[in-house]
Amino acid sequence: MAALVLALAGCGGEPAPEPAAPAYGWPPDPRAVTAWPPPSEIGKASYYADSLAGNRTASGEPYDPRALTAAHRKLPFGTIIDVRTMDGRRTVRVRVNDRGPWVEGRVVDLSRAAAEQLDMIRAGVVAVNVYVVSVPPAPAAR
């Protein structure tokens, strides 16, 4: 019995401390992202005016300010990208469904919902890193 008590006494102790979250709050769980790969593009992001709601995008679907979508000059429609502010505080995942932006230095135009997630509504234009997450498969040849 004494051996059992001594064995159990050694099991107690302090639990291992949780890793500290970065001061700027990204990522929400420090174990979620150990290192970001190099961005595919660095530049500025802007967002669509609310007055464009319902207009057809280059992919043919109507612009929905509440959807997490974006315009990019070259990436195929349906490509999923992460747009991350240069300070690393905010990231949004969007689907490319339009072409643009056509202003020099800008690499992506975002929907209003995506812009809100980046907290860029007041600024209008922010510096970002763009990461390609997935590219849709090429259509089969006929």
C-alpha atoms as a PDB file:
ATOM      1  CA  MET A   1       0.000   0.000   0.000  1.00  0.00           C
ATOM      2  CA  ALA A   2       2.828   2.397   0.839  1.00  0.00           C
ATOM      3  CA  ALA A   3       4.371   1.757  -2.574  1.00  0.00           C
ATOM      4  CA  LEU A   4       1.070   2.700  -4.253  1.00  0.00           C
ATOM      5  CA  VAL A   5       0.871   5.961  -2.306  1.00  0.00           C
ATOM      6  CA  LEU A   6       4.452   6.854  -3.225  1.00  0.00           C
ATOM      7  CA  ALA A   7       3.841   6.008  -6.905  1.00  0.00           C
ATOM      8  CA  LEU A   8       0.730   8.183  -7.043  1.00  0.00           C
ATOM      9  CA  ALA A   9       2.490  11.056  -5.284  1.00  0.00           C
ATOM     10  CA  GLY A  10       5.015  11.226  -8.139  1.00  0.00           C
ATOM     11  CA  CYS A  11       2.229  11.665 -10.733  1.00  0.00           C
ATOM     12  CA  GLY A  12       1.204  15.083  -9.518  1.00  0.00           C
ATOM     13  CA  GLY A  13       2.898  18.258 -10.496  1.00  0.00           C
ATOM     14  CA  GLU A  14       2.528  21.314 -12.621  1.00  0.00           C
ATOM     15  CA  PRO A  15       1.071  20.877 -16.113  1.00  0.00           C
ATOM     16  CA  ALA A  16       3.245  22.047 -18.985  1.00  0.00           C
ATOM     17  CA  PRO A  17       2.626  25.747 -19.709  1.00  0.00           C
ATOM     18  CA  GLU A  18       0.669  26.669 -22.856  1.00  0.00           C
ATOM     19  CA  PRO A  19       2.728  28.422 -25.523  1.00  0.00           C
ATOM     20  CA  ALA A  20       2.237  32.169 -25.395  1.00  0.00           C
ATOM     21  CA  ALA A  21       0.178  33.703 -28.200  1.00  0.00           C
ATOM     22  CA  PRO A  22       1.970  36.341 -30.290  1.00  0.00           C
ATOM     23  CA  ALA A  23       1.276  39.874 -29.076  1.00  0.00           C
ATOM     24  CA  TYR A  24      -0.426  40.848 -32.339  1.00  0.00           C
ATOM     25  CA  GLY A  25      -2.953  37.995 -32.181  1.00  0.00           C
ATOM     26  CA  TRP A  26      -2.104  35.957 -35.285  1.00  0.00           C
ATOM     27  CA  PRO A  27      -2.509  33.054 -35.553  1.00  0.00           C
ATOM     28  CA  PRO A  28      -5.373  32.558 -33.089  1.00  0.00           C
ATOM     29  CA  ASP A  29      -3.807  29.232 -32.071  1.00  0.00           C
ATOM     30  CA  PRO A  30      -0.008  29.487 -32.204  1.00  0.00           C
ATOM     31  CA  ARG A  31       0.183  25.777 -33.059  1.00  0.00           C
ATOM     32  CA  ALA A  32      -2.039  26.291 -36.125  1.00  0.00           C
ATOM     33  CA  VAL A  33       0.602  27.921 -38.331  1.00  0.00           C
ATOM     34  CA  THR A  34       4.271  27.349 -37.654  1.00  0.00           C
ATOM     35  CA  ALA A  35       5.561  29.331 -40.626  1.00  0.00           C
ATOM     36  CA  TRP A  36       3.991  30.959 -43.637  1.00  0.00           C
ATOM     37  CA  PRO A  37       5.424  30.069 -47.037  1.00  0.00           C
ATOM     38  CA  PRO A  38       6.717  32.912 -49.181  1.00  0.00           C
ATOM     39  CA  PRO A  39       3.783  34.875 -50.612  1.00  0.00           C
ATOM     40  CA  SER A  40       2.961  34.454 -54.283  1.00  0.00           C
ATOM     41  CA  GLU A  41       2.467  38.229 -54.522  1.00  0.00           C
ATOM     42  CA  ILE A  42       3.058  41.335 -52.466  1.00  0.00           C
ATOM     43  CA  GLY A  43       1.188  44.531 -53.167  1.00  0.00           C
ATOM     44  CA  LYS A  44      -1.934  46.448 -52.275  1.00  0.00           C
ATOM     45  CA  ALA A  45      -5.518  45.332 -51.873  1.00  0.00           C
ATOM     46  CA  SER A  46      -8.589  47.456 -52.475  1.00  0.00           C
ATOM     47  CA  TYR A  47     -12.266  46.556 -52.357  1.00  0.00           C
ATOM     48  CA  TYR A  48     -15.348  46.885 -54.541  1.00  0.00           C
ATOM     49  CA  ALA A  49     -17.795  49.738 -54.058  1.00  0.00           C
ATOM     50  CA  ASP A  50     -21.184  48.695 -52.701  1.00  0.00           C
ATOM     51  CA  SER A  51     -22.797  50.253 -55.781  1.00  0.00           C
ATOM     52  CA  LEU A  52     -21.416  47.356 -57.889  1.00  0.00           C
ATOM     53  CA  ALA A  53     -23.594  44.780 -56.094  1.00  0.00           C
ATOM     54  CA  GLY A  54     -25.398  42.612 -58.631  1.00  0.00           C
ATOM     55  CA  ASN A  55     -23.128  43.536 -61.558  1.00  0.00           C
ATOM     56  CA  ARG A  56     -21.706  40.565 -63.455  1.00  0.00           C
ATOM     57  CA  THR A  57     -18.118  39.634 -62.690  1.00  0.00           C
ATOM     58  CA  ALA A  58     -15.766  38.363 -65.390  1.00  0.00           C
ATOM     59  CA  SER A  59     -16.672  34.786 -64.386  1.00  0.00           C
ATOM     60  CA  GLY A  60     -20.331  35.543 -65.093  1.00  0.00           C
ATOM     61  CA  GLU A  61     -21.605  35.427 -61.532  1.00  0.00           C
ATOM     62  CA  PRO A  62     -23.101  38.540 -59.952  1.00  0.00           C
ATOM     63  CA  TYR A  63     -20.976  40.482 -57.465  1.00  0.00           C
ATOM     64  CA  ASP A  64     -22.189  39.805 -53.928  1.00  0.00           C
ATOM     65  CA  PRO A  65     -20.680  42.141 -51.308  1.00  0.00           C
ATOM     66  CA  ARG A  66     -21.419  39.527 -48.602  1.00  0.00           C
ATOM     67  CA  ALA A  67     -19.463  36.725 -50.311  1.00  0.00           C
ATOM     68  CA  LEU A  68     -15.753  36.155 -49.703  1.00  0.00           C
ATOM     69  CA  THR A  69     -14.598  36.744 -53.271  1.00  0.00           C
ATOM     70  CA  ALA A  70     -11.859  38.628 -55.094  1.00  0.00           C
ATOM     71  CA  ALA A  71     -10.610  39.874 -58.432  1.00  0.00           C
ATOM     72  CA  HIS A  72      -7.150  38.937 -59.664  1.00  0.00           C
ATOM     73  CA  ARG A  73      -5.549  39.679 -63.025  1.00  0.00           C
ATOM     74  CA  LYS A  74      -4.224  36.197 -63.844  1.00  0.00           C
ATOM     75  CA  LEU A  75      -5.259  33.478 -61.399  1.00  0.00           C
ATOM     76  CA  PRO A  76      -7.913  31.084 -62.754  1.00  0.00           C
ATOM     77  CA  PHE A  77     -11.496  31.552 -61.613  1.00  0.00           C
ATOM     78  CA  GLY A  78     -12.161  29.368 -58.584  1.00  0.00           C
ATOM     79  CA  THR A  79      -8.632  29.733 -57.201  1.00  0.00           C
ATOM     80  CA  ILE A  80      -8.633  30.017 -53.414  1.00  0.00           C
ATOM     81  CA  ILE A  81      -6.216  32.580 -51.971  1.00  0.00           C
ATOM     82  CA  ASP A  82      -5.344  33.859 -48.523  1.00  0.00           C
ATOM     83  CA  VAL A  83      -4.928  37.620 -48.354  1.00  0.00           C
ATOM     84  CA  ARG A  84      -2.923  38.656 -45.292  1.00  0.00           C
ATOM     85  CA  THR A  85      -2.198  42.176 -44.104  1.00  0.00           C
ATOM     86  CA  MET A  86       1.504  43.025 -44.094  1.00  0.00           C
ATOM     87  CA  ASP A  87       1.464  43.459 -40.323  1.00  0.00           C
ATOM     88  CA  GLY A  88       0.232  39.857 -40.044  1.00  0.00           C
ATOM     89  CA  ARG A  89      -2.741  40.763 -37.884  1.00  0.00           C
ATOM     90  CA  ARG A  90      -5.524  39.672 -40.229  1.00  0.00           C
ATOM     91  CA  THR A  91      -6.066  37.120 -42.963  1.00  0.00           C
ATOM     92  CA  VAL A  92      -9.059  36.314 -45.138  1.00  0.00           C
ATOM     93  CA  ARG A  93      -9.589  33.359 -47.474  1.00  0.00           C
ATOM     94  CA  VAL A  94     -11.357  34.267 -50.731  1.00  0.00           C
ATOM     95  CA  ARG A  95     -12.279  32.728 -54.081  1.00  0.00           C
ATOM     96  CA  VAL A  96     -11.220  34.435 -57.319  1.00  0.00           C
ATOM     97  CA  ASN A  97     -14.274  35.160 -59.502  1.00  0.00           C
ATOM     98  CA  ASP A  98     -13.334  38.363 -61.332  1.00  0.00           C
ATOM     99  CA  ARG A  99     -10.501  40.104 -63.176  1.00  0.00           C
ATOM    100  CA  GLY A 100      -8.638  43.128 -61.908  1.00  0.00           C
ATOM    101  CA  PRO A 101      -7.592  45.314 -60.237  1.00  0.00           C
ATOM    102  CA  TRP A 102      -6.425  47.546 -63.031  1.00  0.00           C
ATOM    103  CA  VAL A 103      -4.646  50.137 -60.868  1.00  0.00           C
ATOM    104  CA  GLU A 104      -0.853  49.876 -60.773  1.00  0.00           C
ATOM    105  CA  GLY A 105       0.514  48.427 -57.543  1.00  0.00           C
ATOM    106  CA  ARG A 106      -2.718  46.692 -56.610  1.00  0.00           C
ATOM    107  CA  VAL A 107      -2.698  42.906 -56.721  1.00  0.00           C
ATOM    108  CA  VAL A 108      -6.235  42.062 -55.574  1.00  0.00           C
ATOM    109  CA  ASP A 109      -9.701  43.631 -55.310  1.00  0.00           C
ATOM    110  CA  LEU A 110     -11.806  42.219 -52.492  1.00  0.00           C
ATOM    111  CA  SER A 111     -15.510  41.977 -51.780  1.00  0.00           C
ATOM    112  CA  ARG A 112     -16.831  44.123 -48.960  1.00  0.00           C
ATOM    113  CA  ALA A 113     -17.122  41.103 -46.633  1.00  0.00           C
ATOM    114  CA  ALA A 114     -13.463  40.223 -47.228  1.00  0.00           C
ATOM    115  CA  ALA A 115     -12.414  43.854 -46.709  1.00  0.00           C
ATOM    116  CA  GLU A 116     -14.287  43.926 -43.407  1.00  0.00           C
ATOM    117  CA  GLN A 117     -12.405  40.828 -42.229  1.00  0.00           C
ATOM    118  CA  LEU A 118      -9.138  42.629 -42.986  1.00  0.00           C
ATOM    119  CA  ASP A 119     -10.433  45.741 -41.170  1.00  0.00           C
ATOM    120  CA  MET A 120      -9.629  47.886 -44.209  1.00  0.00           C
ATOM    121  CA  ILE A 121     -12.927  49.705 -44.802  1.00  0.00           C
ATOM    122  CA  ARG A 122     -11.702  53.056 -43.481  1.00  0.00           C
ATOM    123  CA  ALA A 123      -8.308  52.832 -45.169  1.00  0.00           C
ATOM    124  CA  GLY A 124      -9.697  51.632 -48.509  1.00  0.00           C
ATOM    125  CA  VAL A 125      -6.330  50.281 -49.658  1.00  0.00           C
ATOM    126  CA  VAL A 126      -3.875  48.230 -47.573  1.00  0.00           C
ATOM    127  CA  ALA A 127      -0.573  46.455 -48.158  1.00  0.00           C
ATOM    128  CA  VAL A 128      -0.982  42.670 -48.332  1.00  0.00           C
ATOM    129  CA  ASN A 129       0.672  39.353 -49.031  1.00  0.00           C
ATOM    130  CA  VAL A 130      -1.264  36.955 -51.279  1.00  0.00           C
ATOM    131  CA  TYR A 131      -0.892  33.183 -50.833  1.00  0.00           C
ATOM    132  CA  VAL A 132      -2.350  30.684 -53.313  1.00  0.00           C
ATOM    133  CA  VAL A 133      -4.132  27.939 -51.348  1.00  0.00           C
ATOM    134  CA  SER A 134      -5.601  25.902 -54.209  1.00  0.00           C
ATOM    135  CA  VAL A 135      -6.084  26.141 -57.945  1.00  0.00           C
ATOM    136  CA  PRO A 136      -9.047  24.404 -59.579  1.00  0.00           C
ATOM    137  CA  PRO A 137      -8.262  21.536 -61.942  1.00  0.00           C
ATOM    138  CA  ALA A 138      -7.933  22.433 -65.607  1.00  0.00           C
ATOM    139  CA  PRO A 139     -11.000  21.556 -67.697  1.00  0.00           C
ATOM    140  CA  ALA A 140     -10.742  18.284 -69.560  1.00  0.00           C
ATOM    141  CA  ALA A 141      -9.894  18.522 -73.263  1.00  0.00           C
ATOM    142  CA  ARG A 142     -12.765  17.688 -75.606  1.00  0.00           C
END
